[in-house]
N, C-alpha and C. Protein backbone atom coordinates (compact mmCIF):
# COMPACT_ATOMS: atom_id res chain seq x y z
N UNK A 1 14.09 18.02 14.98
CA UNK A 1 13.36 18.11 13.73
C UNK A 1 12.09 17.27 13.74
N UNK A 2 12.10 16.01 14.25
CA UNK A 2 10.85 15.24 14.29
C UNK A 2 9.76 15.91 15.12
N UNK A 3 10.15 16.62 16.17
CA UNK A 3 9.15 17.30 16.99
C UNK A 3 8.42 18.36 16.18
N UNK A 4 9.13 19.03 15.28
CA UNK A 4 8.51 20.05 14.43
C UNK A 4 7.51 19.40 13.48
N UNK A 5 7.89 18.27 12.90
CA UNK A 5 6.98 17.56 11.99
C UNK A 5 5.72 17.13 12.72
N UNK A 6 5.89 16.63 13.93
CA UNK A 6 4.74 16.19 14.72
C UNK A 6 3.85 17.37 15.07
N UNK A 7 4.46 18.48 15.47
CA UNK A 7 3.68 19.67 15.81
C UNK A 7 2.93 20.19 14.59
N UNK A 8 3.59 20.18 13.44
CA UNK A 8 2.95 20.64 12.22
C UNK A 8 1.77 19.76 11.85
N UNK A 9 1.94 18.46 11.98
CA UNK A 9 0.84 17.53 11.67
C UNK A 9 -0.35 17.78 12.58
N UNK A 10 -0.10 18.08 13.86
CA UNK A 10 -1.20 18.35 14.78
C UNK A 10 -1.87 19.68 14.46
N UNK A 11 -1.07 20.65 13.99
CA UNK A 11 -1.63 21.95 13.63
C UNK A 11 -2.52 21.87 12.39
N UNK A 12 -2.16 21.01 11.46
CA UNK A 12 -2.91 20.91 10.21
C UNK A 12 -4.34 20.45 10.50
N UNK A 13 -4.49 19.43 11.31
CA UNK A 13 -5.83 18.95 11.64
C UNK A 13 -5.79 18.02 12.83
N UNK A 14 -6.76 18.16 13.69
CA UNK A 14 -6.89 17.25 14.82
C UNK A 14 -7.57 15.95 14.40
N UNK A 15 -8.09 15.91 13.18
CA UNK A 15 -8.82 14.74 12.70
C UNK A 15 -7.92 13.71 12.02
N UNK A 16 -6.63 13.91 12.02
CA UNK A 16 -5.72 13.02 11.30
C UNK A 16 -5.10 11.96 12.19
N UNK A 17 -5.81 11.54 13.19
CA UNK A 17 -5.27 10.50 14.06
C UNK A 17 -5.38 9.14 13.36
N UNK A 18 -4.66 8.18 13.89
CA UNK A 18 -4.54 6.85 13.27
C UNK A 18 -5.88 6.15 13.11
N UNK A 19 -6.81 6.36 14.04
CA UNK A 19 -8.09 5.65 13.97
C UNK A 19 -9.17 6.44 13.22
N UNK A 20 -8.80 7.55 12.60
CA UNK A 20 -9.77 8.32 11.83
C UNK A 20 -10.14 7.54 10.57
N UNK A 21 -11.42 7.55 10.17
CA UNK A 21 -11.86 6.77 9.00
C UNK A 21 -11.10 7.09 7.71
N UNK A 22 -10.72 8.34 7.50
CA UNK A 22 -9.98 8.69 6.28
C UNK A 22 -8.61 8.02 6.28
N UNK A 23 -7.93 8.06 7.42
CA UNK A 23 -6.62 7.42 7.53
C UNK A 23 -6.75 5.92 7.34
N UNK A 24 -7.74 5.32 7.97
CA UNK A 24 -7.95 3.87 7.82
C UNK A 24 -8.26 3.50 6.37
N UNK A 25 -9.06 4.33 5.70
CA UNK A 25 -9.39 4.06 4.30
C UNK A 25 -8.14 4.14 3.42
N UNK A 26 -7.32 5.15 3.63
CA UNK A 26 -6.09 5.27 2.86
C UNK A 26 -5.15 4.09 3.11
N UNK A 27 -5.05 3.68 4.38
CA UNK A 27 -4.22 2.53 4.72
C UNK A 27 -4.72 1.29 3.97
N UNK A 28 -6.02 1.11 3.96
CA UNK A 28 -6.61 -0.04 3.28
C UNK A 28 -6.34 0.02 1.77
N UNK A 29 -6.40 1.21 1.20
CA UNK A 29 -6.16 1.35 -0.24
C UNK A 29 -4.70 1.06 -0.59
N UNK A 30 -3.77 1.41 0.29
CA UNK A 30 -2.37 1.04 0.07
C UNK A 30 -2.25 -0.48 0.04
N UNK A 31 -2.89 -1.14 0.99
CA UNK A 31 -2.85 -2.60 1.04
C UNK A 31 -3.48 -3.22 -0.20
N UNK A 32 -4.64 -2.71 -0.61
CA UNK A 32 -5.31 -3.23 -1.80
C UNK A 32 -4.45 -3.04 -3.05
N UNK A 33 -3.79 -1.91 -3.14
CA UNK A 33 -2.94 -1.64 -4.30
C UNK A 33 -1.79 -2.64 -4.37
N UNK A 34 -1.20 -2.99 -3.23
CA UNK A 34 -0.11 -3.97 -3.24
C UNK A 34 -0.62 -5.36 -3.65
N UNK A 35 -1.80 -5.72 -3.21
CA UNK A 35 -2.37 -7.01 -3.60
C UNK A 35 -2.66 -7.01 -5.11
N UNK A 36 -3.21 -5.93 -5.60
CA UNK A 36 -3.49 -5.84 -7.03
C UNK A 36 -2.19 -5.89 -7.83
N UNK A 37 -1.16 -5.20 -7.35
CA UNK A 37 0.15 -5.24 -8.01
C UNK A 37 0.67 -6.68 -8.08
N UNK A 38 0.59 -7.40 -6.97
CA UNK A 38 1.07 -8.78 -6.94
C UNK A 38 0.27 -9.65 -7.91
N UNK A 39 -1.04 -9.43 -7.99
CA UNK A 39 -1.87 -10.21 -8.92
C UNK A 39 -1.49 -9.92 -10.37
N UNK A 40 -1.31 -8.64 -10.71
CA UNK A 40 -0.92 -8.29 -12.07
C UNK A 40 0.43 -8.90 -12.44
N UNK A 41 1.39 -8.89 -11.51
CA UNK A 41 2.69 -9.50 -11.78
C UNK A 41 2.55 -11.01 -11.94
N UNK A 42 1.69 -11.61 -11.16
CA UNK A 42 1.44 -13.05 -11.30
C UNK A 42 0.92 -13.35 -12.71
N UNK A 43 -0.09 -12.59 -13.15
CA UNK A 43 -0.64 -12.80 -14.48
C UNK A 43 0.43 -12.53 -15.55
N UNK A 44 1.25 -11.52 -15.33
CA UNK A 44 2.34 -11.17 -16.23
C UNK A 44 3.29 -12.36 -16.41
N UNK A 45 3.61 -13.02 -15.31
CA UNK A 45 4.55 -14.14 -15.35
C UNK A 45 3.91 -15.42 -15.88
N UNK A 46 2.62 -15.58 -15.71
CA UNK A 46 1.95 -16.83 -16.07
C UNK A 46 1.32 -16.83 -17.46
N UNK A 47 1.43 -15.74 -18.18
CA UNK A 47 0.81 -15.63 -19.50
C UNK A 47 1.51 -16.53 -20.52
N UNK A 48 0.71 -17.18 -21.36
CA UNK A 48 1.26 -18.00 -22.44
C UNK A 48 0.22 -18.06 -23.55
N UNK A 49 0.61 -18.59 -24.68
CA UNK A 49 -0.34 -18.77 -25.77
C UNK A 49 -0.15 -17.75 -26.88
N UNK A 50 -1.12 -17.71 -27.79
CA UNK A 50 -0.98 -16.85 -28.97
C UNK A 50 -0.97 -15.35 -28.66
N UNK A 51 -1.53 -14.95 -27.54
CA UNK A 51 -1.54 -13.52 -27.18
C UNK A 51 -0.51 -13.18 -26.12
N UNK A 52 0.50 -14.05 -25.99
CA UNK A 52 1.50 -13.90 -24.93
C UNK A 52 2.09 -12.49 -24.89
N UNK A 53 2.63 -12.03 -26.00
CA UNK A 53 3.34 -10.75 -26.00
C UNK A 53 2.43 -9.61 -25.56
N UNK A 54 1.25 -9.53 -26.15
CA UNK A 54 0.33 -8.43 -25.83
C UNK A 54 -0.11 -8.48 -24.37
N UNK A 55 -0.49 -9.66 -23.89
CA UNK A 55 -0.93 -9.79 -22.50
C UNK A 55 0.22 -9.54 -21.52
N UNK A 56 1.39 -10.07 -21.86
CA UNK A 56 2.57 -9.90 -21.01
C UNK A 56 2.86 -8.41 -20.81
N UNK A 57 2.86 -7.66 -21.90
CA UNK A 57 3.13 -6.22 -21.82
C UNK A 57 2.00 -5.47 -21.11
N UNK A 58 0.75 -5.88 -21.38
CA UNK A 58 -0.39 -5.21 -20.76
C UNK A 58 -0.37 -5.37 -19.24
N UNK A 59 -0.15 -6.61 -18.76
CA UNK A 59 -0.13 -6.83 -17.31
C UNK A 59 1.05 -6.11 -16.65
N UNK A 60 2.16 -6.02 -17.35
CA UNK A 60 3.31 -5.30 -16.81
C UNK A 60 2.99 -3.81 -16.69
N UNK A 61 2.30 -3.26 -17.68
CA UNK A 61 1.90 -1.84 -17.62
C UNK A 61 0.90 -1.61 -16.50
N UNK A 62 -0.07 -2.52 -16.35
CA UNK A 62 -1.04 -2.40 -15.26
C UNK A 62 -0.34 -2.43 -13.90
N UNK A 63 0.63 -3.33 -13.75
CA UNK A 63 1.36 -3.44 -12.49
C UNK A 63 2.10 -2.15 -12.18
N UNK A 64 2.74 -1.57 -13.18
CA UNK A 64 3.46 -0.31 -12.98
C UNK A 64 2.50 0.80 -12.55
N UNK A 65 1.37 0.88 -13.22
CA UNK A 65 0.39 1.93 -12.90
C UNK A 65 -0.15 1.78 -11.48
N UNK A 66 -0.46 0.56 -11.06
CA UNK A 66 -1.02 0.36 -9.73
C UNK A 66 0.04 0.61 -8.65
N UNK A 67 1.31 0.32 -8.96
CA UNK A 67 2.38 0.61 -8.00
C UNK A 67 2.54 2.12 -7.82
N UNK A 68 2.40 2.87 -8.90
CA UNK A 68 2.42 4.33 -8.79
C UNK A 68 1.27 4.84 -7.93
N UNK A 69 0.11 4.22 -8.07
CA UNK A 69 -1.06 4.60 -7.27
C UNK A 69 -0.83 4.28 -5.80
N UNK A 70 -0.24 3.12 -5.51
CA UNK A 70 0.06 2.76 -4.11
C UNK A 70 1.00 3.79 -3.50
N UNK A 71 1.96 4.25 -4.27
CA UNK A 71 2.89 5.27 -3.79
C UNK A 71 2.16 6.57 -3.47
N UNK A 72 1.22 6.95 -4.31
CA UNK A 72 0.44 8.17 -4.06
C UNK A 72 -0.38 8.05 -2.77
N UNK A 73 -1.04 6.91 -2.59
CA UNK A 73 -1.82 6.71 -1.37
C UNK A 73 -0.92 6.76 -0.13
N UNK A 74 0.23 6.09 -0.21
CA UNK A 74 1.15 6.07 0.94
C UNK A 74 1.67 7.47 1.24
N UNK A 75 1.96 8.25 0.21
CA UNK A 75 2.43 9.61 0.43
C UNK A 75 1.33 10.48 1.05
N UNK A 76 0.09 10.24 0.70
CA UNK A 76 -1.01 11.00 1.32
C UNK A 76 -1.14 10.66 2.80
N UNK A 77 -0.95 9.39 3.13
CA UNK A 77 -0.97 9.00 4.54
C UNK A 77 0.12 9.75 5.29
N UNK A 78 1.31 9.82 4.70
CA UNK A 78 2.42 10.53 5.34
C UNK A 78 2.14 12.03 5.44
N UNK A 79 1.49 12.60 4.41
CA UNK A 79 1.21 14.04 4.41
C UNK A 79 0.30 14.45 5.57
N UNK A 80 -0.60 13.56 5.97
CA UNK A 80 -1.51 13.92 7.05
C UNK A 80 -0.97 13.49 8.41
N UNK A 81 0.29 13.08 8.44
CA UNK A 81 0.96 12.87 9.71
C UNK A 81 0.96 11.47 10.26
N UNK A 82 0.59 10.48 9.47
CA UNK A 82 0.59 9.10 9.94
C UNK A 82 1.63 8.29 9.19
N UNK A 83 1.98 7.15 9.74
CA UNK A 83 2.89 6.22 9.08
C UNK A 83 2.08 5.16 8.36
N UNK A 84 2.58 4.71 7.22
CA UNK A 84 1.96 3.59 6.53
C UNK A 84 2.27 2.35 7.35
N UNK A 85 1.23 1.63 7.72
CA UNK A 85 1.38 0.48 8.61
C UNK A 85 1.63 -0.78 7.82
N UNK A 86 2.72 -1.49 8.13
CA UNK A 86 2.99 -2.77 7.47
C UNK A 86 1.89 -3.76 7.79
N UNK A 87 1.38 -3.70 9.01
CA UNK A 87 0.31 -4.63 9.40
C UNK A 87 -0.91 -4.44 8.50
N UNK A 88 -1.26 -3.20 8.18
CA UNK A 88 -2.44 -2.97 7.35
C UNK A 88 -2.21 -3.46 5.94
N UNK A 89 -0.99 -3.39 5.44
CA UNK A 89 -0.72 -3.87 4.09
C UNK A 89 -1.00 -5.36 4.00
N UNK A 90 -0.62 -6.09 5.04
CA UNK A 90 -0.83 -7.54 5.01
C UNK A 90 -2.25 -7.93 5.41
N UNK A 91 -2.77 -7.35 6.46
CA UNK A 91 -4.04 -7.80 7.03
C UNK A 91 -5.25 -7.15 6.37
N UNK A 92 -5.17 -5.87 6.03
CA UNK A 92 -6.33 -5.18 5.46
C UNK A 92 -6.58 -5.55 4.01
N UNK A 93 -5.66 -6.24 3.40
CA UNK A 93 -5.81 -6.56 1.99
C UNK A 93 -6.77 -7.72 1.75
N UNK A 94 -7.41 -8.18 2.79
CA UNK A 94 -8.42 -9.20 2.63
C UNK A 94 -7.95 -10.60 2.98
N UNK A 95 -6.65 -10.78 3.14
CA UNK A 95 -6.17 -12.13 3.43
C UNK A 95 -6.44 -12.51 4.88
N UNK A 96 -6.39 -11.51 5.77
CA UNK A 96 -6.59 -11.78 7.18
C UNK A 96 -5.38 -12.42 7.83
N UNK A 97 -4.34 -12.69 7.04
CA UNK A 97 -3.13 -13.29 7.57
C UNK A 97 -1.95 -12.38 7.24
N UNK A 98 -1.02 -12.34 8.14
CA UNK A 98 0.17 -11.52 7.93
C UNK A 98 1.34 -12.42 7.59
N UNK A 99 2.11 -12.08 6.56
CA UNK A 99 3.30 -12.86 6.26
C UNK A 99 4.29 -12.82 7.42
N UNK A 100 5.10 -13.86 7.54
CA UNK A 100 6.11 -13.92 8.60
C UNK A 100 7.03 -12.72 8.47
N UNK A 101 7.30 -12.06 9.58
CA UNK A 101 8.19 -10.93 9.58
C UNK A 101 7.49 -9.60 9.37
N UNK A 102 6.22 -9.61 8.95
CA UNK A 102 5.50 -8.36 8.76
C UNK A 102 4.74 -7.98 10.03
N UNK A 103 3.99 -8.91 10.58
CA UNK A 103 3.19 -8.61 11.76
C UNK A 103 3.91 -8.99 13.06
N UNK A 104 4.80 -9.92 12.97
CA UNK A 104 5.55 -10.29 14.17
C UNK A 104 6.80 -9.42 14.23
N UNK A 105 7.21 -9.02 15.43
CA UNK A 105 8.43 -8.22 15.54
C UNK A 105 9.63 -9.03 15.09
N UNK A 106 10.55 -8.36 14.42
CA UNK A 106 11.79 -9.00 13.99
C UNK A 106 12.83 -8.75 15.07
N UNK A 107 13.40 -9.81 15.59
CA UNK A 107 14.39 -9.68 16.65
C UNK A 107 15.77 -9.62 16.04
N UNK A 108 16.53 -8.61 16.43
CA UNK A 108 17.88 -8.44 15.87
C UNK A 108 18.88 -9.28 16.63
């Protein structure tokens, strides 16, 4: 079955290789969406003061929306025959550093 999926992906377009600019852009957008999600959750948790309730709910809604967007980007990457790269989620998001266990192989 995986051979069929691979053959189908190659039939759809020869331009969908991992180093194609469209694939790289989508990978980067998945990473950016996860960073934005983490920031919104941070603001959600750190809110206080007279507008606590409104801001708390607003940041939670923003986080949910951006997570849905990240899912759409990741699904588009899969549709064109590539895998969403964990390395790109950590490194392409602007930090330049990969969390432990994401970029280094995990030994069983």
